Amino acid sequence: MKRSITMFLLSLFTFVMFAQTNDLTQEQIESFKARCEETIEAFQYGLEIIGDKSQDKEVKQHYKKNILSFFMGNGLPYPDAVTHRNYPAVKMEISTVRYNNVIDTRSSLLTEYLDNLENLNYVEVKIEKAQTCVISNLYKEGDRYVGTVSIFQYFMGRTKEGMIYQDTTQKDIQVYVTKVTDGNLGEFWDLKFGDIKVVETVKM
């Protein structure tokens, strides 16, 4: 059942939509997409490790720091050099489907979310990623590009009594990308994530 829903979601979102980016070549777009997917892969894998009850605390701390490095301000309030404004720390929405099928969505700081993920009141936790991400609504803002990355996550938590909660969630992540040219490394994309919002949650 889980696999069929995941494959259905992927079949709906296998395209990539770029808007207001006429100054990008196809090669640059592909390079940007690859960099984005690489970072999403590392982000998702880090969540799996942090949620895994069998991992050592030191290992989880390493992945927490690694994940925060992917985000604007490293998870702390930050000044934006492009908009010349100060922004609060990145937030992440989480969702739970209650017994009456009402979806409870709430927001917390990313740093708090990572701590809570490590300490969930389950004896077993699994977070699995879909095999692709979707990039959409990409537009230029100053000398960088801003867009949305959609990801799909499967979550399973098992209590000591043997009760299991499972869901699949689509989340949209704000992404900020700047093209950097280095004399030694050549051209590459500097990518940072922003706030994460829940789009839809389906109980399994």
Protein backbone atom coordinates (compact mmCIF):
# COMPACT_ATOMS: atom_id res chain seq x y z
CA MET A 1 0.00 0.00 0.00
CA LYS A 2 2.79 2.39 0.95
CA ARG A 3 4.69 1.67 -2.25
CA SER A 4 1.59 2.13 -4.44
CA ILE A 5 0.80 5.54 -2.91
CA THR A 6 4.41 6.67 -3.23
CA MET A 7 4.57 5.62 -6.88
CA PHE A 8 1.26 7.35 -7.54
CA LEU A 9 2.60 10.60 -6.07
CA LEU A 10 5.77 10.35 -8.12
CA SER A 11 3.81 9.76 -11.31
CA LEU A 12 1.92 12.99 -10.70
CA PHE A 13 5.00 15.09 -10.10
CA THR A 14 7.73 13.92 -12.46
CA PHE A 15 7.91 17.23 -14.29
CA VAL A 16 9.97 20.29 -13.33
CA MET A 17 8.50 23.74 -13.94
CA PHE A 18 10.71 26.82 -14.28
CA ALA A 19 9.23 30.33 -14.42
CA GLN A 20 10.86 33.68 -15.15
CA THR A 21 14.30 32.13 -15.77
CA ASN A 22 14.97 32.96 -19.39
CA ASP A 23 18.56 33.87 -18.55
CA LEU A 24 19.39 30.26 -17.61
CA THR A 25 20.69 27.79 -20.16
CA GLN A 26 19.39 24.22 -20.15
CA GLU A 27 22.79 23.08 -18.89
CA GLN A 28 22.57 25.52 -15.97
CA ILE A 29 19.04 24.36 -15.15
CA GLU A 30 20.16 20.73 -15.09
CA SER A 31 23.13 21.66 -12.90
CA PHE A 32 20.83 23.50 -10.49
CA LYS A 33 18.42 20.57 -10.38
CA ALA A 34 21.23 18.10 -9.65
CA ARG A 35 22.58 20.29 -6.83
CA CYS A 36 19.10 20.60 -5.34
CA GLU A 37 18.40 16.87 -5.48
CA GLU A 38 21.79 16.15 -3.93
CA THR A 39 21.04 18.43 -0.97
CA ILE A 40 17.52 17.03 -0.53
CA GLU A 41 19.00 13.53 -0.49
CA ALA A 42 21.41 14.50 2.30
CA PHE A 43 18.63 16.27 4.23
CA GLN A 44 16.29 13.32 4.06
CA TYR A 45 19.01 10.84 5.00
CA GLY A 46 19.91 12.98 8.03
CA LEU A 47 16.29 12.87 9.21
CA GLU A 48 16.31 9.09 8.93
CA ILE A 49 19.43 8.89 11.13
CA ILE A 50 18.11 11.33 13.76
CA GLY A 51 14.81 9.46 14.04
CA ASP A 52 16.46 6.02 14.20
CA LYS A 53 16.36 4.76 17.81
CA SER A 54 19.37 2.49 17.20
CA GLN A 55 21.78 5.36 16.39
CA ASP A 56 24.18 6.83 18.97
CA LYS A 57 23.55 10.34 20.28
CA GLU A 58 26.90 11.56 18.95
CA VAL A 59 25.98 10.40 15.45
CA LYS A 60 22.63 12.17 15.67
CA GLN A 61 24.29 15.41 16.81
CA HIS A 62 26.56 15.28 13.77
CA TYR A 63 23.60 14.97 11.42
CA LYS A 64 21.70 17.75 13.21
CA LYS A 65 24.57 20.14 12.55
CA ASN A 66 24.84 18.92 8.97
CA ILE A 67 21.13 19.49 8.32
CA LEU A 68 21.20 22.98 9.83
CA SER A 69 24.05 23.91 7.46
CA PHE A 70 21.64 23.40 4.54
CA PHE A 71 19.34 26.18 5.77
CA MET A 72 19.36 29.96 5.79
CA GLY A 73 21.10 31.22 8.92
CA ASN A 74 22.07 27.67 9.91
CA GLY A 75 18.75 27.45 11.75
CA LEU A 76 19.18 30.80 13.53
CA PRO A 77 17.77 34.30 12.83
CA TYR A 78 19.65 35.84 9.92
CA PRO A 79 20.14 39.01 7.85
CA ASP A 80 19.45 38.67 4.12
CA ALA A 81 21.99 40.44 1.91
CA VAL A 82 19.61 40.47 -1.07
CA THR A 83 16.46 41.89 0.54
CA HIS A 84 18.39 43.81 3.25
CA ARG A 85 15.99 42.53 5.89
CA ASN A 86 16.37 40.50 9.06
CA TYR A 87 14.49 37.21 9.18
CA PRO A 88 13.51 34.88 12.05
CA ALA A 89 14.92 31.39 12.31
CA VAL A 90 13.68 28.82 9.80
CA LYS A 91 10.48 27.01 10.75
CA MET A 92 9.19 23.58 9.85
CA GLU A 93 5.57 22.46 9.79
CA ILE A 94 4.67 18.98 11.00
CA SER A 95 1.35 17.17 10.73
CA THR A 96 -0.54 14.30 12.33
CA VAL A 97 -3.77 12.67 11.20
CA ARG A 98 -6.04 12.23 14.24
CA TYR A 99 -8.55 9.42 14.77
CA ASN A 100 -11.36 11.54 13.30
CA ASN A 101 -9.19 12.09 10.19
CA VAL A 102 -8.64 15.73 11.10
CA ILE A 103 -5.11 16.81 10.15
CA ASP A 104 -3.33 18.61 12.99
CA THR A 105 -0.67 20.90 11.49
CA ARG A 106 1.68 22.88 13.71
CA SER A 107 4.89 24.83 13.25
CA SER A 108 8.12 24.82 15.22
CA LEU A 109 11.65 26.08 14.81
CA LEU A 110 13.76 23.70 12.76
CA THR A 111 16.18 23.32 15.68
CA GLU A 112 13.28 22.31 17.96
CA TYR A 113 11.91 19.91 15.35
CA LEU A 114 15.24 18.06 15.12
CA ASP A 115 15.42 17.71 18.91
CA ASN A 116 11.82 16.48 19.05
CA LEU A 117 12.46 14.00 16.24
CA GLU A 118 15.27 12.46 18.25
CA ASN A 119 13.06 12.15 21.34
CA LEU A 120 9.77 10.95 19.86
CA ASN A 121 7.81 8.72 22.24
CA TYR A 122 8.09 5.62 20.05
CA VAL A 123 10.26 2.53 20.41
CA GLU A 124 10.75 2.46 16.63
CA VAL A 125 10.72 5.32 14.11
CA LYS A 126 11.17 5.17 10.35
CA ILE A 127 11.32 8.11 7.96
CA GLU A 128 11.71 7.19 4.33
CA LYS A 129 12.10 9.47 1.35
CA ALA A 130 10.60 9.39 -2.10
CA GLN A 131 13.15 8.85 -4.86
CA THR A 132 12.79 12.28 -6.42
CA CYS A 133 11.95 15.89 -5.63
CA VAL A 134 9.98 18.43 -7.63
CA ILE A 135 11.28 21.93 -8.34
CA SER A 136 8.70 24.58 -9.22
CA ASN A 137 7.97 28.32 -9.33
CA LEU A 138 11.61 29.27 -9.84
CA TYR A 139 12.10 33.03 -10.28
CA LYS A 140 14.94 35.52 -10.08
CA GLU A 141 15.36 37.78 -7.05
CA GLY A 142 18.33 40.10 -7.33
CA ASP A 143 21.38 37.98 -8.17
CA ARG A 144 19.84 34.71 -6.94
CA TYR A 145 16.95 32.40 -7.73
CA VAL A 146 14.09 31.51 -5.40
CA GLY A 147 11.79 28.54 -5.82
CA THR A 148 9.93 25.70 -4.18
CA VAL A 149 11.07 22.12 -3.74
CA SER A 150 8.38 19.52 -3.04
CA ILE A 151 9.34 16.33 -1.25
CA PHE A 152 7.42 13.28 -0.08
CA GLN A 153 8.06 11.55 3.23
CA TYR A 154 6.80 8.28 4.70
CA PHE A 155 6.67 8.21 8.52
CA MET A 156 6.14 5.23 10.81
CA GLY A 157 6.15 5.21 14.61
CA ARG A 158 5.60 2.12 16.78
CA THR A 159 4.76 2.35 20.49
CA LYS A 160 5.92 -0.12 23.14
CA GLU A 161 2.37 -1.50 23.13
CA GLY A 162 2.74 -2.34 19.45
CA MET A 163 0.45 0.40 18.09
CA ILE A 164 1.65 1.80 14.76
CA TYR A 165 1.08 5.24 13.28
CA GLN A 166 1.91 5.72 9.57
CA ASP A 167 1.44 8.54 7.10
CA THR A 168 2.77 9.99 3.86
CA THR A 169 3.26 13.75 3.68
CA GLN A 170 4.05 16.20 0.91
CA LYS A 171 6.13 19.14 2.10
CA ASP A 172 7.16 22.27 0.22
CA ILE A 173 10.56 23.80 0.98
CA GLN A 174 11.57 27.33 0.02
CA VAL A 175 14.90 27.22 -1.78
CA TYR A 176 17.41 30.03 -2.46
CA VAL A 177 20.10 29.47 -5.06
CA THR A 178 23.02 31.67 -6.06
CA LYS A 179 25.30 30.98 -9.00
CA VAL A 180 28.94 31.17 -7.94
CA THR A 181 31.96 31.31 -10.23
CA ASP A 182 35.27 30.24 -8.71
CA GLY A 183 38.62 30.35 -10.45
CA ASN A 184 39.53 26.88 -9.19
CA LEU A 185 36.16 25.16 -8.91
CA GLY A 186 34.48 26.75 -11.91
CA GLU A 187 30.74 27.50 -11.84
CA PHE A 188 28.55 25.95 -9.16
CA TRP A 189 25.31 26.59 -7.24
CA ASP A 190 25.29 27.75 -3.62
CA LEU A 191 21.98 26.45 -2.27
CA LYS A 192 20.13 27.14 0.98
CA PHE A 193 16.69 26.08 2.19
CA GLY A 194 14.10 28.20 3.99
CA ASP A 195 10.80 27.44 5.72
CA ILE A 196 9.13 24.04 5.25
CA LYS A 197 5.34 23.81 4.92
CA VAL A 198 2.99 20.84 4.94
CA VAL A 199 0.88 20.54 1.76
CA GLU A 200 -0.95 17.27 2.35
CA THR A 201 -0.84 14.34 4.77
CA VAL A 202 -2.43 10.94 4.10
CA LYS A 203 -2.76 8.36 6.89
CA MET A 204 -1.67 4.88 5.88
